[in-house]
């Protein structure tokens, strides 16, 4: 995925996204990657969500490492 990650498994799926367990190829660290289809009409900008989350610090809130997109999905 984007030349950075190896997808290992699916962690979970919901009505609007799928979350994958991935390994960063260079850092050898594990990450959760949320995959959101661009076809969803109800979705607000994932970039806006990331901008909000980057200012929050709590053990129950995910830390944002990166944002990517292709023609079909936001990651």
PDB file of N, CA and C in Angstrom:
ATOM      1  N   UNK A   1       0.852  -1.173   0.000  1.00  0.00           N
ATOM      2  CA  UNK A   1       0.000   0.000   0.000  1.00  0.00           C
ATOM      3  C   UNK A   1       0.897   1.235   0.000  1.00  0.00           C
ATOM      4  N   UNK A   2       0.832   1.991  -1.060  1.00  0.00           N
ATOM      5  CA  UNK A   2       1.596   3.231  -1.243  1.00  0.00           C
ATOM      6  C   UNK A   2       3.101   3.017  -1.102  1.00  0.00           C
ATOM      7  N   UNK A   3       3.549   1.784  -1.243  1.00  0.00           N
ATOM      8  CA  UNK A   3       4.962   1.485  -1.123  1.00  0.00           C
ATOM      9  C   UNK A   3       5.505   1.597   0.289  1.00  0.00           C
ATOM     10  N   UNK A   4       4.612   1.796   1.268  1.00  0.00           N
ATOM     11  CA  UNK A   4       5.039   1.986   2.653  1.00  0.00           C
ATOM     12  C   UNK A   4       4.587   0.874   3.582  1.00  0.00           C
ATOM     13  N   UNK A   5       3.453   0.255   3.284  1.00  0.00           N
ATOM     14  CA  UNK A   5       2.820  -0.662   4.228  1.00  0.00           C
ATOM     15  C   UNK A   5       2.539  -2.017   3.591  1.00  0.00           C
ATOM     16  N   UNK A   6       2.620  -3.047   4.407  1.00  0.00           N
ATOM     17  CA  UNK A   6       2.183  -4.382   4.035  1.00  0.00           C
ATOM     18  C   UNK A   6       0.918  -4.667   4.833  1.00  0.00           C
ATOM     19  N   UNK A   7      -0.187  -4.954   4.148  1.00  0.00           N
ATOM     20  CA  UNK A   7      -1.440  -5.281   4.823  1.00  0.00           C
ATOM     21  C   UNK A   7      -1.361  -6.706   5.338  1.00  0.00           C
ATOM     22  N   UNK A   8      -1.642  -6.891   6.632  1.00  0.00           N
ATOM     23  CA  UNK A   8      -1.537  -8.199   7.267  1.00  0.00           C
ATOM     24  C   UNK A   8      -2.887  -8.869   7.476  1.00  0.00           C
ATOM     25  N   UNK A   9      -3.895  -8.082   7.874  1.00  0.00           N
ATOM     26  CA  UNK A   9      -5.219  -8.666   8.127  1.00  0.00           C
ATOM     27  C   UNK A   9      -6.248  -7.552   8.262  1.00  0.00           C
ATOM     28  N   UNK A  10      -7.512  -7.959   8.317  1.00  0.00           N
ATOM     29  CA  UNK A  10      -8.603  -7.026   8.590  1.00  0.00           C
ATOM     30  C   UNK A  10      -8.844  -7.019  10.092  1.00  0.00           C
ATOM     31  N   UNK A  11      -8.845  -5.831  10.686  1.00  0.00           N
ATOM     32  CA  UNK A  11      -9.139  -5.703  12.116  1.00  0.00           C
ATOM     33  C   UNK A  11     -10.632  -5.575  12.368  1.00  0.00           C
ATOM     34  N   UNK A  12     -11.341  -4.929  11.437  1.00  0.00           N
ATOM     35  CA  UNK A  12     -12.775  -4.756  11.621  1.00  0.00           C
ATOM     36  C   UNK A  12     -13.401  -4.052  10.439  1.00  0.00           C
ATOM     37  N   UNK A  13     -14.707  -4.209  10.319  1.00  0.00           N
ATOM     38  CA  UNK A  13     -15.453  -3.520   9.268  1.00  0.00           C
ATOM     39  C   UNK A  13     -16.701  -2.913   9.880  1.00  0.00           C
ATOM     40  N   UNK A  14     -17.132  -1.825   9.292  1.00  0.00           N
ATOM     41  CA  UNK A  14     -18.346  -1.160   9.728  1.00  0.00           C
ATOM     42  C   UNK A  14     -19.158  -0.776   8.512  1.00  0.00           C
ATOM     43  N   UNK A  15     -20.169   0.030   8.729  1.00  0.00           N
ATOM     44  CA  UNK A  15     -21.039   0.425   7.622  1.00  0.00           C
ATOM     45  C   UNK A  15     -20.355   1.375   6.656  1.00  0.00           C
ATOM     46  N   UNK A  16     -19.303   2.073   7.109  1.00  0.00           N
ATOM     47  CA  UNK A  16     -18.692   3.069   6.233  1.00  0.00           C
ATOM     48  C   UNK A  16     -17.197   2.888   6.019  1.00  0.00           C
ATOM     49  N   UNK A  17     -16.569   1.882   6.641  1.00  0.00           N
ATOM     50  CA  UNK A  17     -15.123   1.742   6.465  1.00  0.00           C
ATOM     51  C   UNK A  17     -14.647   0.346   6.872  1.00  0.00           C
ATOM     52  N   UNK A  18     -13.412   0.056   6.511  1.00  0.00           N
ATOM     53  CA  UNK A  18     -12.727  -1.163   6.916  1.00  0.00           C
ATOM     54  C   UNK A  18     -11.397  -0.744   7.522  1.00  0.00           C
ATOM     55  N   UNK A  19     -10.997  -1.403   8.600  1.00  0.00           N
ATOM     56  CA  UNK A  19      -9.721  -1.101   9.254  1.00  0.00           C
ATOM     57  C   UNK A  19      -8.821  -2.323   9.116  1.00  0.00           C
ATOM     58  N   UNK A  20      -7.602  -2.072   8.620  1.00  0.00           N
ATOM     59  CA  UNK A  20      -6.630  -3.128   8.377  1.00  0.00           C
ATOM     60  C   UNK A  20      -5.457  -3.015   9.346  1.00  0.00           C
ATOM     61  N   UNK A  21      -4.881  -4.160   9.690  1.00  0.00           N
ATOM     62  CA  UNK A  21      -3.611  -4.186  10.398  1.00  0.00           C
ATOM     63  C   UNK A  21      -2.527  -4.191   9.336  1.00  0.00           C
ATOM     64  N   UNK A  22      -1.590  -3.254   9.447  1.00  0.00           N
ATOM     65  CA  UNK A  22      -0.514  -3.146   8.465  1.00  0.00           C
ATOM     66  C   UNK A  22       0.822  -3.006   9.177  1.00  0.00           C
ATOM     67  N   UNK A  23       1.877  -3.345   8.463  1.00  0.00           N
ATOM     68  CA  UNK A  23       3.234  -3.187   8.976  1.00  0.00           C
ATOM     69  C   UNK A  23       3.957  -2.180   8.096  1.00  0.00           C
ATOM     70  N   UNK A  24       4.541  -1.166   8.719  1.00  0.00           N
ATOM     71  CA  UNK A  24       5.330  -0.177   7.983  1.00  0.00           C
ATOM     72  C   UNK A  24       6.614  -0.877   7.538  1.00  0.00           C
ATOM     73  N   UNK A  25       6.886  -0.852   6.240  1.00  0.00           N
ATOM     74  CA  UNK A  25       7.991  -1.621   5.692  1.00  0.00           C
ATOM     75  C   UNK A  25       9.362  -1.125   6.147  1.00  0.00           C
ATOM     76  N   UNK A  26       9.526   0.165   6.323  1.00  0.00           N
ATOM     77  CA  UNK A  26      10.820   0.709   6.732  1.00  0.00           C
ATOM     78  C   UNK A  26      11.003   0.675   8.235  1.00  0.00           C
ATOM     79  N   UNK A  27       9.993   1.111   8.967  1.00  0.00           N
ATOM     80  CA  UNK A  27      10.104   1.213  10.424  1.00  0.00           C
ATOM     81  C   UNK A  27       9.842  -0.099  11.153  1.00  0.00           C
ATOM     82  N   UNK A  28       9.272  -1.072  10.444  1.00  0.00           N
ATOM     83  CA  UNK A  28       8.928  -2.377  11.041  1.00  0.00           C
ATOM     84  C   UNK A  28       7.994  -2.220  12.229  1.00  0.00           C
ATOM     85  N   UNK A  29       7.105  -1.236  12.153  1.00  0.00           N
ATOM     86  CA  UNK A  29       6.126  -1.014  13.219  1.00  0.00           C
ATOM     87  C   UNK A  29       4.725  -1.274  12.666  1.00  0.00           C
ATOM     88  N   UNK A  30       3.813  -1.556  13.559  1.00  0.00           N
ATOM     89  CA  UNK A  30       2.450  -1.899  13.165  1.00  0.00           C
ATOM     90  C   UNK A  30       1.546  -0.679  13.249  1.00  0.00           C
ATOM     91  N   UNK A  31       0.605  -0.602  12.318  1.00  0.00           N
ATOM     92  CA  UNK A  31      -0.346   0.498  12.249  1.00  0.00           C
ATOM     93  C   UNK A  31      -1.723  -0.052  11.891  1.00  0.00           C
ATOM     94  N   UNK A  32      -2.739   0.668  12.285  1.00  0.00           N
ATOM     95  CA  UNK A  32      -4.101   0.404  11.822  1.00  0.00           C
ATOM     96  C   UNK A  32      -4.381   1.405  10.702  1.00  0.00           C
ATOM     97  N   UNK A  33      -4.878   0.918   9.580  1.00  0.00           N
ATOM     98  CA  UNK A  33      -5.199   1.779   8.443  1.00  0.00           C
ATOM     99  C   UNK A  33      -6.688   1.701   8.185  1.00  0.00           C
ATOM    100  N   UNK A  34      -7.341   2.852   8.278  1.00  0.00           N
ATOM    101  CA  UNK A  34      -8.779   2.945   8.035  1.00  0.00           C
ATOM    102  C   UNK A  34      -8.992   3.280   6.565  1.00  0.00           C
ATOM    103  N   UNK A  35      -9.801   2.500   5.883  1.00  0.00           N
ATOM    104  CA  UNK A  35     -10.061   2.646   4.456  1.00  0.00           C
ATOM    105  C   UNK A  35     -11.519   3.098   4.279  1.00  0.00           C
ATOM    106  N   UNK A  36     -11.705   4.327   3.765  1.00  0.00           N
ATOM    107  CA  UNK A  36     -13.032   4.919   3.638  1.00  0.00           C
ATOM    108  C   UNK A  36     -13.347   5.135   2.162  1.00  0.00           C
ATOM    109  N   UNK A  37     -14.392   4.491   1.627  1.00  0.00           N
ATOM    110  CA  UNK A  37     -14.733   4.686   0.218  1.00  0.00           C
ATOM    111  C   UNK A  37     -15.160   6.123  -0.076  1.00  0.00           C
ATOM    112  N   UNK A  38     -14.740   6.631  -1.218  1.00  0.00           N
ATOM    113  CA  UNK A  38     -15.117   7.982  -1.617  1.00  0.00           C
ATOM    114  C   UNK A  38     -16.560   8.053  -2.107  1.00  0.00           C
ATOM    115  N   UNK A  39     -17.209   6.915  -2.274  1.00  0.00           N
ATOM    116  CA  UNK A  39     -18.584   6.884  -2.772  1.00  0.00           C
ATOM    117  C   UNK A  39     -19.619   7.186  -1.705  1.00  0.00           C
ATOM    118  N   UNK A  40     -19.214   7.263  -0.449  1.00  0.00           N
ATOM    119  CA  UNK A  40     -20.164   7.528   0.631  1.00  0.00           C
ATOM    120  C   UNK A  40     -20.635   8.977   0.572  1.00  0.00           C
ATOM    121  N   UNK A  41     -21.944   9.156   0.491  1.00  0.00           N
ATOM    122  CA  UNK A  41     -22.516  10.502   0.447  1.00  0.00           C
ATOM    123  C   UNK A  41     -22.501  11.173   1.810  1.00  0.00           C
ATOM    124  N   UNK A  42     -22.558  10.377   2.867  1.00  0.00           N
ATOM    125  CA  UNK A  42     -22.698  10.944   4.206  1.00  0.00           C
ATOM    126  C   UNK A  42     -21.372  11.321   4.847  1.00  0.00           C
ATOM    127  N   UNK A  43     -20.277  11.045   4.166  1.00  0.00           N
ATOM    128  CA  UNK A  43     -18.978  11.264   4.806  1.00  0.00           C
ATOM    129  C   UNK A  43     -18.525  12.712   4.703  1.00  0.00           C
ATOM    130  N   UNK A  44     -18.073  13.236   5.822  1.00  0.00           N
ATOM    131  CA  UNK A  44     -17.424  14.537   5.794  1.00  0.00           C
ATOM    132  C   UNK A  44     -15.972  14.286   5.387  1.00  0.00           C
ATOM    133  N   UNK A  45     -15.233  15.289   5.215  1.00  0.00           N
ATOM    134  CA  UNK A  45     -13.852  15.148   4.771  1.00  0.00           C
ATOM    135  C   UNK A  45     -13.023  14.379   5.797  1.00  0.00           C
ATOM    136  N   UNK A  46     -12.401  13.269   5.389  1.00  0.00           N
ATOM    137  CA  UNK A  46     -11.492  12.572   6.302  1.00  0.00           C
ATOM    138  C   UNK A  46     -10.318  13.468   6.715  1.00  0.00           C
ATOM    139  N   UNK A  47      -9.960  14.409   5.886  1.00  0.00           N
ATOM    140  CA  UNK A  47      -8.883  15.341   6.249  1.00  0.00           C
ATOM    141  C   UNK A  47      -9.318  16.218   7.417  1.00  0.00           C
ATOM    142  N   UNK A  48     -10.582  16.623   7.436  1.00  0.00           N
ATOM    143  CA  UNK A  48     -11.099  17.412   8.548  1.00  0.00           C
ATOM    144  C   UNK A  48     -11.072  16.581   9.832  1.00  0.00           C
ATOM    145  N   UNK A  49     -11.490  15.334   9.747  1.00  0.00           N
ATOM    146  CA  UNK A  49     -11.453  14.441  10.909  1.00  0.00           C
ATOM    147  C   UNK A  49     -10.021  14.308  11.425  1.00  0.00           C
ATOM    148  N   UNK A  50      -9.066  14.135  10.528  1.00  0.00           N
ATOM    149  CA  UNK A  50      -7.665  14.001  10.926  1.00  0.00           C
ATOM    150  C   UNK A  50      -7.143  15.278  11.572  1.00  0.00           C
ATOM    151  N   UNK A  51      -7.535  16.421  11.047  1.00  0.00           N
ATOM    152  CA  UNK A  51      -7.095  17.702  11.616  1.00  0.00           C
ATOM    153  C   UNK A  51      -7.609  17.869  13.052  1.00  0.00           C
ATOM    154  N   UNK A  52      -8.826  17.408  13.301  1.00  0.00           N
ATOM    155  CA  UNK A  52      -9.389  17.471  14.656  1.00  0.00           C
ATOM    156  C   UNK A  52      -8.658  16.495  15.569  1.00  0.00           C
ATOM    157  N   UNK A  53      -8.458  15.250  15.100  1.00  0.00           N
ATOM    158  CA  UNK A  53      -7.825  14.226  15.931  1.00  0.00           C
ATOM    159  C   UNK A  53      -6.371  14.549  16.267  1.00  0.00           C
ATOM    160  N   UNK A  54      -5.673  15.258  15.374  1.00  0.00           N
ATOM    161  CA  UNK A  54      -4.260  15.529  15.642  1.00  0.00           C
ATOM    162  C   UNK A  54      -4.053  16.453  16.843  1.00  0.00           C
ATOM    163  N   UNK A  55      -5.096  17.189  17.231  1.00  0.00           N
ATOM    164  CA  UNK A  55      -4.994  18.097  18.370  1.00  0.00           C
ATOM    165  C   UNK A  55      -5.451  17.458  19.687  1.00  0.00           C
ATOM    166  N   UNK A  56      -5.936  16.230  19.623  1.00  0.00           N
ATOM    167  CA  UNK A  56      -6.425  15.539  20.813  1.00  0.00           C
ATOM    168  C   UNK A  56      -5.406  14.517  21.287  1.00  0.00           C
ATOM    169  N   UNK A  57      -5.270  14.367  22.586  1.00  0.00           N
ATOM    170  CA  UNK A  57      -4.323  13.424  23.159  1.00  0.00           C
ATOM    171  C   UNK A  57      -5.004  12.662  24.282  1.00  0.00           C
ATOM    172  N   UNK A  58      -5.381  11.420  23.980  1.00  0.00           N
ATOM    173  CA  UNK A  58      -6.044  10.565  24.960  1.00  0.00           C
ATOM    174  C   UNK A  58      -5.791   9.120  24.541  1.00  0.00           C
ATOM    175  N   UNK A  59      -5.603   8.201  25.483  1.00  0.00           N
ATOM    176  CA  UNK A  59      -5.326   6.803  25.126  1.00  0.00           C
ATOM    177  C   UNK A  59      -6.410   6.144  24.265  1.00  0.00           C
ATOM    178  N   UNK A  60      -7.639   6.619  24.351  1.00  0.00           N
ATOM    179  CA  UNK A  60      -8.731   6.014  23.588  1.00  0.00           C
ATOM    180  C   UNK A  60      -8.931   6.659  22.210  1.00  0.00           C
ATOM    181  N   UNK A  61      -8.135   7.670  21.887  1.00  0.00           N
ATOM    182  CA  UNK A  61      -8.267   8.365  20.605  1.00  0.00           C
ATOM    183  C   UNK A  61      -7.064   8.006  19.744  1.00  0.00           C
ATOM    184  N   UNK A  62      -7.297   7.580  18.499  1.00  0.00           N
ATOM    185  CA  UNK A  62      -6.166   7.172  17.650  1.00  0.00           C
ATOM    186  C   UNK A  62      -5.254   8.348  17.309  1.00  0.00           C
ATOM    187  N   UNK A  63      -3.975   8.035  17.173  1.00  0.00           N
ATOM    188  CA  UNK A  63      -2.983   9.015  16.748  1.00  0.00           C
ATOM    189  C   UNK A  63      -2.888   8.938  15.225  1.00  0.00           C
ATOM    190  N   UNK A  64      -2.931  10.071  14.547  1.00  0.00           N
ATOM    191  CA  UNK A  64      -2.868  10.112  13.093  1.00  0.00           C
ATOM    192  C   UNK A  64      -1.410  10.214  12.662  1.00  0.00           C
ATOM    193  N   UNK A  65      -0.933   9.238  11.880  1.00  0.00           N
ATOM    194  CA  UNK A  65       0.431   9.257  11.369  1.00  0.00           C
ATOM    195  C   UNK A  65       0.500   9.800   9.950  1.00  0.00           C
ATOM    196  N   UNK A  66      -0.554   9.556   9.163  1.00  0.00           N
ATOM    197  CA  UNK A  66      -0.486   9.884   7.744  1.00  0.00           C
ATOM    198  C   UNK A  66      -1.889   9.881   7.151  1.00  0.00           C
ATOM    199  N   UNK A  67      -2.043  10.563   6.042  1.00  0.00           N
ATOM    200  CA  UNK A  67      -3.287  10.543   5.272  1.00  0.00           C
ATOM    201  C   UNK A  67      -2.905  10.306   3.816  1.00  0.00           C
ATOM    202  N   UNK A  68      -3.598   9.380   3.175  1.00  0.00           N
ATOM    203  CA  UNK A  68      -3.381   9.085   1.759  1.00  0.00           C
ATOM    204  C   UNK A  68      -4.743   8.959   1.093  1.00  0.00           C
ATOM    205  N   UNK A  69      -4.740   9.012  -0.224  1.00  0.00           N
ATOM    206  CA  UNK A  69      -5.958   8.739  -0.975  1.00  0.00           C
ATOM    207  C   UNK A  69      -5.579   8.258  -2.366  1.00  0.00           C
ATOM    208  N   UNK A  70      -6.507   7.529  -2.967  1.00  0.00           N
ATOM    209  CA  UNK A  70      -6.384   7.167  -4.374  1.00  0.00           C
ATOM    210  C   UNK A  70      -7.711   7.509  -5.031  1.00  0.00           C
ATOM    211  N   UNK A  71      -7.968   7.001  -6.211  1.00  0.00           N
ATOM    212  CA  UNK A  71      -9.200   7.360  -6.923  1.00  0.00           C
ATOM    213  C   UNK A  71     -10.470   6.894  -6.225  1.00  0.00           C
ATOM    214  N   UNK A  72     -10.365   5.847  -5.417  1.00  0.00           N
ATOM    215  CA  UNK A  72     -11.554   5.246  -4.816  1.00  0.00           C
ATOM    216  C   UNK A  72     -11.678   5.396  -3.312  1.00  0.00           C
ATOM    217  N   UNK A  73     -10.568   5.611  -2.612  1.00  0.00           N
ATOM    218  CA  UNK A  73     -10.591   5.566  -1.145  1.00  0.00           C
ATOM    219  C   UNK A  73      -9.742   6.668  -0.516  1.00  0.00           C
ATOM    220  N   UNK A  74     -10.112   7.000   0.744  1.00  0.00           N
ATOM    221  CA  UNK A  74      -9.266   7.771   1.655  1.00  0.00           C
ATOM    222  C   UNK A  74      -8.671   6.761   2.629  1.00  0.00           C
ATOM    223  N   UNK A  75      -7.416   6.960   3.059  1.00  0.00           N
ATOM    224  CA  UNK A  75      -6.757   6.069   4.007  1.00  0.00           C
ATOM    225  C   UNK A  75      -6.220   6.865   5.171  1.00  0.00           C
TER     226      UNK A  75
END
